[in-house]
Amino acid sequence: MSLDAVVTAIQQVGLTLIVIAIAVAALEGVLYLLLVRGLKTRLATPLMLVAPAFVGLAILIVYPLLWELNVSFTNMSLRNFRDPGFLGLENGMFVGLDNYVEVFTRPVLQLTTFWQLLLQTVLWTVINVTLHVAGGMALALLLHRQMRGKGIYRALIILPWAIPQVIALLIWRTEYNNEYGAANQLLRMAGFDGVPWLSDPFWNFIAMIITNVWLGIPFMMVIILGGLSSISSEYYEAAEMDGANSRQSFRAITLPLLRPVLTPAIILGTVWTFNNINVPFFINQNELETSDILVTALFRMAFQYNRYGDAAAFAFVIFIILLVFTVFYVRRTGSLRGAYE
């Protein structure tokens, strides 16, 4: 890149920041005149404080989404790489809903279709989130009790969550090496044959799950441990006086009172796992399509196959799937209601 190009880029960034600052100042001025001087409402201060964040979200999230939606109706690709304009109507790039139809009818990757990828993604998400919640719950219950060295145990268990994920995944991929990895060396020491973790479709999927469970359990443990700390011991004392055993207390007291904590944690865990590109991308070193999920397929479609219009439509299909799941789960569990209603 030449010096002139760098200077031009810096000037464009500076001009953009100036425009954003002017837009925020203008919005604050309008709100001040309208709410403080005009309506004199008590909501003036909160709205004025929220206004800069609203502008930031509009620029960083809303505008890119609208631009991507615009691209999803065009045939933009590496061979047809130019400004599409509005829906590509001006330069003949408009294809209507063809990209959305092709997502469901044509192979998304070389051979794999959307429906196989969706099945793989659902299987990947369900297994991981289930193990995250079960493992996090078990560890949280163990660490919630009085024990010596509790702080040390907590620090060690949180360690996988604290390590930069890319570094951790590169180490895990090394440990899955067929000849020199620790996983196969331990299996051979125990008298078993080595497993082709990186080349066999089944074992590669299992390796992805093992790695992601190791990464995800600490988050669930911290969330559940915080929820357990907020439950008063008086409930358990009353249940014990009524003759309830530990299992009955867990089902009647712990789980219901943990629901306001578990519901958003499970939603976050599901969305993060569903969209987790790091683990499948790094562990699936040989690019096995049987180990790909929707987001890795989206990455390959956009940045390896350079089908930008198709990738934009595919991204919105994934977004709609997650939106439907979130709305259904929230309505089903009633997580937006008060914790003790």
Protein backbone atom coordinates (compact mmCIF):
# COMPACT_ATOMS: atom_id res chain seq x y z
CA MET A 1 0.00 0.00 0.00
CA SER A 2 1.39 3.39 -1.01
CA LEU A 3 1.84 6.34 1.30
CA ASP A 4 -0.86 8.28 -0.53
CA ALA A 5 -3.35 5.45 0.05
CA VAL A 6 -2.51 5.39 3.76
CA VAL A 7 -2.95 9.14 4.05
CA THR A 8 -6.27 8.94 2.19
CA ALA A 9 -7.50 6.18 4.50
CA ILE A 10 -6.53 8.17 7.59
CA GLN A 11 -8.31 11.23 6.23
CA GLN A 12 -11.45 9.19 5.57
CA VAL A 13 -11.41 7.74 9.08
CA GLY A 14 -10.91 11.20 10.59
CA LEU A 15 -13.72 12.64 8.49
CA THR A 16 -16.00 9.79 9.57
CA LEU A 17 -15.24 10.40 13.26
CA ILE A 18 -15.94 14.13 12.82
CA VAL A 19 -19.28 13.36 11.16
CA ILE A 20 -20.20 10.97 13.99
CA ALA A 21 -19.28 13.57 16.62
CA ILE A 22 -21.38 16.21 14.83
CA ALA A 23 -24.31 13.78 14.58
CA VAL A 24 -24.14 12.99 18.31
CA ALA A 25 -23.88 16.67 19.24
CA ALA A 26 -26.82 17.54 16.98
CA LEU A 27 -28.93 14.73 18.45
CA GLU A 28 -28.12 15.84 22.00
CA GLY A 29 -29.08 19.42 21.09
CA VAL A 30 -32.39 18.35 19.58
CA LEU A 31 -33.21 16.21 22.61
CA TYR A 32 -32.30 19.05 24.97
CA LEU A 33 -34.56 21.52 23.19
CA LEU A 34 -37.37 19.01 22.80
CA LEU A 35 -37.33 17.27 26.17
CA VAL A 36 -35.80 19.77 28.59
CA ARG A 37 -36.99 23.11 27.26
CA GLY A 38 -40.14 21.84 25.56
CA LEU A 39 -41.82 18.86 27.25
CA LYS A 40 -39.83 19.15 30.50
CA THR A 41 -40.14 15.41 31.05
CA ARG A 42 -38.31 13.39 33.68
CA LEU A 43 -37.06 11.10 30.93
CA ALA A 44 -34.90 13.87 29.48
CA THR A 45 -31.69 12.89 31.29
CA PRO A 46 -31.93 9.12 30.61
CA LEU A 47 -32.74 9.69 26.94
CA MET A 48 -29.86 12.13 26.51
CA LEU A 49 -27.48 9.65 28.15
CA VAL A 50 -28.68 6.83 25.91
CA ALA A 51 -28.53 8.90 22.71
CA PRO A 52 -24.74 8.49 22.04
CA ALA A 53 -25.02 4.73 22.53
CA PHE A 54 -27.97 4.68 20.13
CA VAL A 55 -25.92 6.49 17.49
CA GLY A 56 -23.01 4.11 18.02
CA LEU A 57 -25.25 1.04 17.67
CA ALA A 58 -26.87 2.50 14.57
CA ILE A 59 -23.47 3.03 12.94
CA LEU A 60 -21.76 -0.16 14.09
CA ILE A 61 -24.67 -2.62 13.89
CA VAL A 62 -27.75 -1.31 12.09
CA TYR A 63 -25.96 0.15 9.06
CA PRO A 64 -23.82 -2.99 8.37
CA LEU A 65 -26.94 -5.17 8.70
CA LEU A 66 -28.84 -3.02 6.22
CA TRP A 67 -25.89 -3.02 3.83
CA GLU A 68 -25.60 -6.81 4.07
CA LEU A 69 -29.34 -7.14 3.48
CA ASN A 70 -28.88 -5.02 0.38
CA VAL A 71 -26.04 -7.26 -0.86
CA SER A 72 -28.12 -10.40 -0.27
CA PHE A 73 -30.38 -9.43 -3.19
CA THR A 74 -27.46 -9.10 -5.63
CA ASN A 75 -25.07 -11.43 -7.44
CA MET A 76 -22.01 -9.76 -5.93
CA SER A 77 -18.93 -12.00 -6.08
CA LEU A 78 -15.20 -11.78 -6.77
CA ARG A 79 -15.90 -11.76 -10.51
CA ASN A 80 -18.67 -9.21 -10.08
CA PHE A 81 -17.08 -7.07 -7.38
CA ARG A 82 -18.36 -3.50 -7.46
CA ASP A 83 -20.65 -1.20 -5.56
CA PRO A 84 -24.12 -2.75 -5.90
CA GLY A 85 -25.97 0.48 -5.18
CA PHE A 86 -29.56 0.07 -4.04
CA LEU A 87 -30.39 -3.64 -4.46
CA GLY A 88 -28.19 -3.71 -7.57
CA LEU A 89 -31.01 -2.24 -9.65
CA GLU A 90 -28.87 0.37 -11.36
CA ASN A 91 -26.13 -1.95 -12.65
CA GLY A 92 -28.01 -5.19 -13.33
CA MET A 93 -26.86 -7.01 -10.16
CA PHE A 94 -30.35 -7.51 -8.73
CA VAL A 95 -31.34 -11.20 -8.48
CA GLY A 96 -34.35 -10.95 -6.18
CA LEU A 97 -34.80 -13.90 -3.85
CA ASP A 98 -32.59 -16.22 -5.90
CA ASN A 99 -29.80 -16.22 -3.29
CA TYR A 100 -32.23 -17.20 -0.52
CA VAL A 101 -33.69 -19.97 -2.67
CA GLU A 102 -30.24 -21.29 -3.55
CA VAL A 103 -29.29 -21.47 0.14
CA PHE A 104 -31.91 -24.21 0.57
CA THR A 105 -31.63 -25.90 -2.84
CA ARG A 106 -27.93 -25.85 -3.83
CA PRO A 107 -24.89 -27.19 -1.97
CA VAL A 108 -23.56 -24.51 0.34
CA LEU A 109 -20.07 -26.04 0.32
CA GLN A 110 -18.56 -28.29 -2.32
CA LEU A 111 -20.92 -31.19 -1.57
CA THR A 112 -22.78 -30.38 1.65
CA THR A 113 -26.23 -28.83 1.58
CA PHE A 114 -27.82 -26.41 4.04
CA TRP A 115 -29.94 -29.13 5.62
CA GLN A 116 -26.97 -31.35 6.45
CA LEU A 117 -25.13 -28.35 7.89
CA LEU A 118 -28.19 -27.41 9.94
CA LEU A 119 -28.40 -30.95 11.33
CA GLN A 120 -24.69 -30.91 12.17
CA THR A 121 -25.04 -27.49 13.82
CA VAL A 122 -28.07 -28.50 15.89
CA LEU A 123 -26.31 -31.69 17.01
CA TRP A 124 -23.17 -29.70 17.84
CA THR A 125 -25.14 -27.09 19.79
CA VAL A 126 -27.36 -29.49 21.74
CA ILE A 127 -24.50 -31.75 22.83
CA ASN A 128 -22.25 -28.87 23.85
CA VAL A 129 -24.84 -26.80 25.70
CA THR A 130 -26.13 -29.88 27.54
CA LEU A 131 -22.63 -30.82 28.67
CA HIS A 132 -21.84 -27.19 29.54
CA VAL A 133 -24.87 -26.89 31.80
CA ALA A 134 -24.47 -30.34 33.36
CA GLY A 135 -20.74 -29.92 33.97
CA GLY A 136 -21.09 -26.34 35.16
CA MET A 137 -23.92 -27.32 37.53
CA ALA A 138 -21.93 -30.24 38.99
CA LEU A 139 -18.81 -28.13 39.57
CA ALA A 140 -20.83 -25.22 40.98
CA LEU A 141 -22.59 -27.50 43.47
CA LEU A 142 -19.25 -28.96 44.57
CA LEU A 143 -17.58 -25.57 44.98
CA HIS A 144 -20.59 -24.02 46.71
CA ARG A 145 -20.03 -26.19 49.75
CA GLN A 146 -17.55 -25.43 52.53
CA MET A 147 -14.15 -26.87 51.62
CA ARG A 148 -10.48 -26.04 52.02
CA GLY A 149 -8.71 -24.48 49.04
CA LYS A 150 -11.95 -23.44 47.38
CA GLY A 151 -10.35 -20.36 45.82
CA ILE A 152 -7.55 -22.41 44.28
CA TYR A 153 -10.00 -24.87 42.74
CA ARG A 154 -12.09 -22.06 41.31
CA ALA A 155 -9.03 -20.40 39.77
CA LEU A 156 -7.88 -23.65 38.16
CA ILE A 157 -11.32 -24.42 36.72
CA ILE A 158 -11.72 -20.89 35.32
CA LEU A 159 -8.28 -21.13 33.66
CA PRO A 160 -9.60 -22.51 30.32
CA TRP A 161 -11.93 -19.52 30.08
CA ALA A 162 -9.10 -17.08 30.87
CA ILE A 163 -6.63 -18.38 28.27
CA PRO A 164 -6.93 -16.66 24.85
CA GLN A 165 -9.11 -18.99 22.83
CA VAL A 166 -6.95 -19.04 19.71
CA ILE A 167 -3.87 -20.05 21.72
CA ALA A 168 -5.82 -22.76 23.54
CA LEU A 169 -7.19 -24.15 20.27
CA LEU A 170 -3.78 -24.28 18.63
CA ILE A 171 -2.50 -26.26 21.63
CA TRP A 172 -5.49 -28.61 21.49
CA ARG A 173 -4.96 -29.20 17.76
CA THR A 174 -1.36 -30.15 18.49
CA GLU A 175 -2.51 -32.60 21.18
CA TYR A 176 -4.73 -34.33 18.60
CA ASN A 177 -1.76 -35.13 16.35
CA ASN A 178 -1.91 -38.76 15.30
CA GLU A 179 1.72 -39.59 16.14
CA TYR A 180 2.91 -37.08 18.71
CA GLY A 181 -0.25 -35.74 20.33
CA ALA A 182 -0.85 -36.33 24.01
CA ALA A 183 -4.32 -37.79 23.38
CA ASN A 184 -3.06 -40.73 21.34
CA GLN A 185 0.01 -41.21 23.52
CA LEU A 186 -2.22 -41.61 26.58
CA LEU A 187 -4.45 -44.04 24.67
CA ARG A 188 -1.44 -46.14 23.64
CA MET A 189 -0.12 -46.14 27.22
CA ALA A 190 -3.51 -47.53 28.29
CA GLY A 191 -3.27 -50.29 25.65
CA PHE A 192 -5.58 -48.79 23.01
CA ASP A 193 -4.88 -47.88 19.42
CA GLY A 194 -4.44 -44.27 18.45
CA VAL A 195 -7.44 -42.37 17.10
CA PRO A 196 -7.33 -40.32 13.86
CA TRP A 197 -8.71 -37.20 15.53
CA LEU A 198 -7.99 -34.83 12.64
CA SER A 199 -8.67 -37.03 9.61
CA ASP A 200 -11.65 -39.22 10.48
CA PRO A 201 -15.05 -37.43 10.23
CA PHE A 202 -16.53 -39.00 13.36
CA TRP A 203 -13.49 -38.54 15.59
CA ASN A 204 -12.89 -35.04 14.33
CA PHE A 205 -16.41 -34.10 15.41
CA ILE A 206 -15.79 -35.72 18.80
CA ALA A 207 -12.52 -33.78 19.13
CA MET A 208 -14.40 -30.53 18.46
CA ILE A 209 -16.93 -31.36 21.16
CA ILE A 210 -14.26 -32.30 23.73
CA THR A 211 -12.42 -29.04 23.11
CA ASN A 212 -15.53 -26.86 23.24
CA VAL A 213 -16.79 -28.54 26.43
CA TRP A 214 -13.43 -27.83 28.06
CA LEU A 215 -13.74 -24.19 27.00
CA GLY A 216 -17.42 -23.71 27.90
CA ILE A 217 -17.89 -25.35 31.29
CA PRO A 218 -16.08 -22.58 33.27
CA PHE A 219 -18.52 -19.92 32.04
CA MET A 220 -21.56 -21.96 33.09
CA MET A 221 -19.93 -22.79 36.42
CA VAL A 222 -19.33 -19.11 37.23
CA ILE A 223 -22.90 -18.14 36.30
CA ILE A 224 -24.49 -21.00 38.27
CA LEU A 225 -22.18 -20.43 41.23
CA GLY A 226 -23.32 -16.81 41.38
CA GLY A 227 -26.94 -17.96 41.29
CA LEU A 228 -26.37 -20.47 44.07
CA SER A 229 -24.79 -17.77 46.23
CA SER A 230 -27.96 -15.66 45.95
CA ILE A 231 -30.25 -18.42 47.30
CA SER A 232 -30.90 -18.03 50.99
CA SER A 233 -30.05 -20.98 53.22
CA GLU A 234 -33.38 -20.53 54.99
CA TYR A 235 -35.16 -22.34 52.15
CA TYR A 236 -33.01 -25.44 52.63
CA GLU A 237 -33.42 -25.32 56.40
CA ALA A 238 -37.20 -25.20 56.04
CA ALA A 239 -37.14 -28.07 53.54
CA GLU A 240 -34.95 -30.13 55.86
CA MET A 241 -37.40 -29.57 58.72
CA ASP A 242 -40.18 -30.84 56.45
CA GLY A 243 -38.21 -34.03 55.81
CA ALA A 244 -36.99 -33.29 52.27
CA ASN A 245 -33.77 -34.98 51.18
CA SER A 246 -31.05 -33.33 49.09
CA ARG A 247 -32.50 -34.48 45.78
CA GLN A 248 -35.95 -33.13 46.61
CA SER A 249 -34.44 -29.82 47.78
CA PHE A 250 -32.52 -29.56 44.52
CA ARG A 251 -35.63 -30.11 42.41
CA ALA A 252 -37.99 -27.97 44.51
CA ILE A 253 -35.68 -25.12 45.57
CA THR A 254 -32.41 -24.94 43.65
CA LEU A 255 -33.64 -25.43 40.10
CA PRO A 256 -36.66 -23.05 40.32
CA LEU A 257 -34.62 -20.29 41.94
CA LEU A 258 -31.79 -20.78 39.43
CA ARG A 259 -34.13 -20.45 36.46
CA PRO A 260 -33.78 -16.64 36.13
CA VAL A 261 -30.01 -17.17 36.01
CA LEU A 262 -29.97 -20.31 33.87
CA THR A 263 -32.32 -19.05 31.16
CA PRO A 264 -30.18 -16.15 29.88
CA ALA A 265 -27.03 -18.25 30.40
CA ILE A 266 -28.46 -21.05 28.25
CA ILE A 267 -29.58 -18.56 25.59
CA LEU A 268 -26.12 -17.01 25.51
CA GLY A 269 -24.47 -20.43 25.51
CA THR A 270 -26.68 -21.60 22.66
CA VAL A 271 -26.05 -18.52 20.53
CA TRP A 272 -22.30 -18.61 21.23
CA THR A 273 -22.05 -22.33 20.49
CA PHE A 274 -24.25 -22.05 17.39
CA ASN A 275 -21.99 -19.24 16.11
CA ASN A 276 -18.70 -20.64 17.43
CA ILE A 277 -16.40 -20.47 14.43
CA ASN A 278 -13.09 -20.77 16.31
CA VAL A 279 -13.33 -24.36 17.52
CA PRO A 280 -14.59 -25.94 14.25
CA PHE A 281 -12.20 -23.81 12.19
CA PHE A 282 -9.03 -24.68 14.12
CA ILE A 283 -9.79 -28.30 15.08
CA ASN A 284 -11.13 -29.15 11.61
CA GLN A 285 -7.66 -28.70 10.16
CA ASN A 286 -8.36 -30.81 7.06
CA GLU A 287 -11.58 -28.90 6.24
CA LEU A 288 -13.82 -31.97 6.52
CA GLU A 289 -17.31 -30.90 5.48
CA THR A 290 -18.79 -33.36 7.97
CA SER A 291 -17.28 -31.23 10.75
CA ASP A 292 -18.45 -27.89 9.40
CA ILE A 293 -21.33 -26.00 10.96
CA LEU A 294 -23.37 -23.14 9.55
CA VAL A 295 -20.99 -20.33 10.50
CA THR A 296 -17.88 -22.08 9.18
CA ALA A 297 -19.75 -22.79 5.96
CA LEU A 298 -20.67 -19.10 5.84
CA PHE A 299 -17.00 -18.17 6.28
CA ARG A 300 -15.91 -20.50 3.49
CA MET A 301 -18.66 -19.25 1.17
CA ALA A 302 -17.68 -15.61 1.72
CA PHE A 303 -13.88 -15.72 2.01
CA GLN A 304 -12.84 -18.91 0.23
CA TYR A 305 -15.44 -19.19 -2.54
CA ASN A 306 -16.00 -15.38 -2.70
CA ARG A 307 -19.76 -15.66 -3.23
CA TYR A 308 -20.69 -12.49 -1.36
CA GLY A 309 -24.34 -12.23 -2.38
CA ASP A 310 -24.98 -15.87 -1.46
CA ALA A 311 -23.07 -15.44 1.81
CA ALA A 312 -25.13 -12.37 2.77
CA ALA A 313 -28.36 -14.28 2.22
CA PHE A 314 -26.97 -17.26 4.14
CA ALA A 315 -26.04 -14.96 7.05
CA PHE A 316 -29.60 -13.66 7.30
CA VAL A 317 -30.98 -17.20 7.26
CA ILE A 318 -28.73 -18.02 10.25
CA PHE A 319 -29.85 -14.80 11.97
CA ILE A 320 -33.53 -15.71 11.53
CA ILE A 321 -32.93 -19.21 12.95
CA LEU A 322 -31.31 -17.77 16.08
CA LEU A 323 -33.99 -15.08 16.43
CA VAL A 324 -36.79 -17.65 16.25
CA PHE A 325 -35.04 -19.87 18.81
CA THR A 326 -34.47 -16.97 21.22
CA VAL A 327 -38.07 -15.72 21.04
CA PHE A 328 -39.46 -19.24 21.43
CA TYR A 329 -37.17 -20.07 24.37
CA VAL A 330 -37.87 -16.80 26.18
CA ARG A 331 -41.63 -17.18 25.78
CA ARG A 332 -41.51 -20.83 26.74
CA THR A 333 -39.47 -20.31 29.90
CA GLY A 334 -40.91 -16.91 30.83
CA SER A 335 -37.43 -15.60 31.60
CA LEU A 336 -38.46 -11.97 31.16
CA ARG A 337 -40.80 -12.18 34.13
CA GLY A 338 -39.58 -11.34 37.61
CA ALA A 339 -37.45 -13.92 39.35
CA TYR A 340 -39.92 -14.51 42.18
CA GLU A 341 -43.31 -13.94 40.52
